[in-house]
N, C-alpha and C. Protein backbone atom coordinates (compact mmCIF):
# COMPACT_ATOMS: atom_id res chain seq x y z
N UNK A 1 -30.56 20.65 56.22
CA UNK A 1 -30.43 19.92 57.48
C UNK A 1 -29.20 20.40 58.26
N UNK A 2 -29.39 20.64 59.52
CA UNK A 2 -28.29 21.14 60.40
C UNK A 2 -27.41 20.00 60.83
N UNK A 3 -26.12 20.22 60.73
CA UNK A 3 -25.12 19.22 61.17
C UNK A 3 -24.84 19.36 62.65
N UNK A 4 -24.92 18.24 63.38
CA UNK A 4 -24.57 18.27 64.77
C UNK A 4 -23.10 18.04 64.96
N UNK A 5 -22.45 18.98 65.68
CA UNK A 5 -21.04 18.82 65.91
C UNK A 5 -20.81 18.13 67.22
N UNK A 6 -19.73 17.35 67.24
CA UNK A 6 -19.35 16.62 68.43
C UNK A 6 -18.82 17.57 69.53
N UNK A 7 -19.06 17.20 70.79
CA UNK A 7 -18.65 18.04 71.91
C UNK A 7 -17.51 17.35 72.64
N UNK A 8 -16.43 18.13 72.97
CA UNK A 8 -15.27 17.60 73.63
C UNK A 8 -14.83 18.50 74.77
N UNK A 9 -14.08 17.94 75.71
CA UNK A 9 -13.36 18.65 76.72
C UNK A 9 -11.93 18.71 76.31
N UNK A 10 -11.31 19.89 76.31
CA UNK A 10 -9.90 20.01 75.93
C UNK A 10 -9.04 19.58 77.15
N UNK A 11 -8.09 18.69 76.91
CA UNK A 11 -7.27 18.12 77.99
C UNK A 11 -5.94 18.83 78.12
N UNK A 12 -5.37 19.31 77.00
CA UNK A 12 -4.10 20.01 77.04
C UNK A 12 -4.23 21.26 76.13
N UNK A 13 -3.46 22.25 76.43
CA UNK A 13 -3.50 23.50 75.64
C UNK A 13 -3.30 23.08 74.20
N UNK A 14 -4.19 23.48 73.33
CA UNK A 14 -4.22 22.97 71.94
C UNK A 14 -4.66 24.05 70.98
N UNK A 15 -4.17 23.94 69.72
CA UNK A 15 -4.61 24.78 68.69
C UNK A 15 -5.71 24.02 67.92
N UNK A 16 -6.95 24.46 68.06
CA UNK A 16 -8.10 23.78 67.47
C UNK A 16 -8.98 24.75 66.76
N UNK A 17 -9.29 24.41 65.50
CA UNK A 17 -10.26 25.24 64.78
C UNK A 17 -9.80 26.70 64.62
N UNK A 18 -8.48 26.90 64.51
CA UNK A 18 -7.95 28.22 64.27
C UNK A 18 -7.69 29.07 65.51
N UNK A 19 -7.80 28.46 66.69
CA UNK A 19 -7.45 29.22 67.89
C UNK A 19 -6.90 28.30 69.01
N UNK A 20 -6.27 28.90 69.97
CA UNK A 20 -5.71 28.18 71.06
C UNK A 20 -6.81 27.94 72.09
N UNK A 21 -7.02 26.69 72.53
CA UNK A 21 -7.95 26.33 73.51
C UNK A 21 -7.19 25.88 74.78
N UNK A 22 -7.65 26.28 75.93
CA UNK A 22 -7.01 25.96 77.19
C UNK A 22 -7.62 24.65 77.81
N UNK A 23 -6.83 23.96 78.62
CA UNK A 23 -7.37 22.80 79.29
C UNK A 23 -8.66 23.08 80.06
N UNK A 24 -9.61 22.17 79.93
CA UNK A 24 -10.89 22.36 80.60
C UNK A 24 -11.98 22.99 79.76
N UNK A 25 -11.60 23.59 78.67
CA UNK A 25 -12.55 24.21 77.78
C UNK A 25 -13.48 23.15 77.18
N UNK A 26 -14.75 23.46 77.03
CA UNK A 26 -15.71 22.63 76.36
C UNK A 26 -15.96 23.19 74.98
N UNK A 27 -15.69 22.39 73.96
CA UNK A 27 -15.80 22.89 72.59
C UNK A 27 -16.68 21.98 71.78
N UNK A 28 -17.19 22.51 70.68
CA UNK A 28 -17.81 21.70 69.63
C UNK A 28 -16.87 21.76 68.46
N UNK A 29 -16.60 20.58 67.92
CA UNK A 29 -15.58 20.44 66.89
C UNK A 29 -15.96 19.39 65.90
N UNK A 30 -15.85 19.66 64.61
CA UNK A 30 -16.22 18.65 63.59
C UNK A 30 -14.97 18.14 62.83
N UNK A 31 -13.79 18.49 63.33
CA UNK A 31 -12.56 17.95 62.72
C UNK A 31 -12.18 16.64 63.35
N UNK A 32 -11.01 16.16 62.98
CA UNK A 32 -10.51 14.90 63.53
C UNK A 32 -9.96 15.07 64.94
N UNK A 33 -10.55 14.34 65.91
CA UNK A 33 -10.13 14.46 67.30
C UNK A 33 -8.88 13.63 67.59
N UNK A 34 -8.20 14.01 68.61
CA UNK A 34 -6.99 13.26 69.03
C UNK A 34 -6.98 13.14 70.54
N UNK A 35 -5.85 12.72 71.09
CA UNK A 35 -5.77 12.42 72.53
C UNK A 35 -5.84 13.66 73.36
N UNK A 36 -5.81 14.85 72.78
CA UNK A 36 -5.93 16.06 73.56
C UNK A 36 -7.40 16.47 73.81
N UNK A 37 -8.29 15.61 73.32
CA UNK A 37 -9.74 15.87 73.45
C UNK A 37 -10.39 14.68 74.13
N UNK A 38 -11.34 14.98 75.06
CA UNK A 38 -12.12 13.91 75.69
C UNK A 38 -13.54 14.02 75.16
N UNK A 39 -14.06 12.95 74.55
CA UNK A 39 -15.42 13.02 74.02
C UNK A 39 -16.43 13.17 75.11
N UNK A 40 -17.42 14.04 74.86
CA UNK A 40 -18.45 14.31 75.90
C UNK A 40 -19.83 13.89 75.45
N UNK A 41 -19.99 13.36 74.22
CA UNK A 41 -21.28 12.94 73.74
C UNK A 41 -21.08 11.79 72.75
N UNK A 42 -22.21 11.19 72.36
CA UNK A 42 -22.15 10.02 71.46
C UNK A 42 -21.51 10.36 70.13
N UNK A 43 -21.80 11.58 69.60
CA UNK A 43 -21.19 11.97 68.34
C UNK A 43 -19.66 12.05 68.43
N UNK A 44 -19.20 12.55 69.55
CA UNK A 44 -17.74 12.69 69.79
C UNK A 44 -17.08 11.31 69.96
N UNK A 45 -17.75 10.43 70.66
CA UNK A 45 -17.19 9.08 70.88
C UNK A 45 -17.13 8.33 69.56
N UNK A 46 -18.12 8.48 68.76
CA UNK A 46 -18.12 7.82 67.40
C UNK A 46 -17.00 8.40 66.54
N UNK A 47 -16.88 9.71 66.50
CA UNK A 47 -15.84 10.36 65.67
C UNK A 47 -14.45 9.97 66.15
N UNK A 48 -14.26 9.92 67.45
CA UNK A 48 -12.94 9.56 68.03
C UNK A 48 -12.55 8.10 67.62
N UNK A 49 -13.47 7.20 67.79
CA UNK A 49 -13.23 5.78 67.42
C UNK A 49 -12.93 5.63 65.95
N UNK A 50 -13.69 6.32 65.08
CA UNK A 50 -13.44 6.25 63.63
C UNK A 50 -12.08 6.81 63.30
N UNK A 51 -11.71 7.93 63.89
CA UNK A 51 -10.44 8.55 63.55
C UNK A 51 -9.26 7.73 64.06
N UNK A 52 -9.34 7.19 65.27
CA UNK A 52 -8.28 6.37 65.82
C UNK A 52 -8.09 5.12 64.98
N UNK A 53 -9.16 4.53 64.52
CA UNK A 53 -9.08 3.35 63.65
C UNK A 53 -8.39 3.71 62.35
N UNK A 54 -8.70 4.88 61.85
CA UNK A 54 -8.17 5.31 60.55
C UNK A 54 -6.64 5.57 60.62
N UNK A 55 -6.22 6.25 61.67
CA UNK A 55 -4.77 6.65 61.70
C UNK A 55 -3.91 5.85 62.64
N UNK A 56 -4.46 5.03 63.51
CA UNK A 56 -3.66 4.29 64.45
C UNK A 56 -2.82 5.17 65.30
N UNK A 57 -1.54 4.94 65.38
CA UNK A 57 -0.63 5.73 66.23
C UNK A 57 0.14 6.79 65.40
N UNK A 58 -0.20 6.93 64.17
CA UNK A 58 0.52 7.94 63.27
C UNK A 58 0.33 9.34 63.81
N UNK A 59 1.37 10.08 63.71
CA UNK A 59 1.35 11.53 64.10
C UNK A 59 1.75 12.33 62.88
N UNK A 60 0.97 13.33 62.56
CA UNK A 60 1.33 14.24 61.43
C UNK A 60 1.36 15.64 61.93
N UNK A 61 1.91 16.54 61.09
CA UNK A 61 2.05 17.93 61.50
C UNK A 61 0.67 18.63 61.72
N UNK A 62 -0.37 18.05 61.17
CA UNK A 62 -1.67 18.62 61.39
C UNK A 62 -2.42 18.00 62.59
N UNK A 63 -1.80 17.05 63.26
CA UNK A 63 -2.42 16.38 64.39
C UNK A 63 -2.38 17.36 65.59
N UNK A 64 -3.55 17.50 66.27
CA UNK A 64 -3.59 18.44 67.39
C UNK A 64 -2.55 18.17 68.50
N UNK A 65 -2.16 16.90 68.68
CA UNK A 65 -1.13 16.60 69.72
C UNK A 65 0.21 17.23 69.30
N UNK A 66 0.57 17.14 68.01
CA UNK A 66 1.80 17.74 67.54
C UNK A 66 1.75 19.27 67.68
N UNK A 67 0.63 19.85 67.31
CA UNK A 67 0.46 21.31 67.37
C UNK A 67 0.53 21.78 68.84
N UNK A 68 -0.09 21.02 69.72
CA UNK A 68 -0.06 21.37 71.14
C UNK A 68 1.38 21.38 71.68
N UNK A 69 2.14 20.39 71.29
CA UNK A 69 3.53 20.32 71.73
C UNK A 69 4.33 21.55 71.16
N UNK A 70 4.09 21.91 69.96
CA UNK A 70 4.78 23.08 69.35
C UNK A 70 4.39 24.37 70.09
N UNK A 71 3.14 24.51 70.47
CA UNK A 71 2.67 25.67 71.23
C UNK A 71 3.37 25.69 72.56
N UNK A 72 3.46 24.57 73.25
CA UNK A 72 4.14 24.48 74.58
C UNK A 72 5.63 24.86 74.44
N UNK A 73 6.28 24.38 73.41
CA UNK A 73 7.67 24.71 73.21
C UNK A 73 7.93 26.15 73.02
N UNK A 74 6.98 26.86 72.32
CA UNK A 74 7.14 28.31 72.06
C UNK A 74 7.02 29.05 73.33
N UNK A 75 6.28 28.58 74.29
CA UNK A 75 6.07 29.26 75.56
C UNK A 75 7.20 29.08 76.57
N UNK A 76 8.16 28.19 76.25
CA UNK A 76 9.27 27.90 77.18
C UNK A 76 10.39 28.92 77.06
């Protein structure tokens, strides 16, 4: 059975799935979404709600928001 991946719009320059994605990019992603991604389909909305419920406001070094900030700092 083929797994359907959620579809998102990238909101900020982010390191996702092993590469840097630019704002506006449309991606399919099966990892944990964060505030740097806008859900574009029902699968993404469900995954986003589940992940936000699980982690609340916690930020970890593997969180895409943290990684995006580190990428931005390197470019300054």
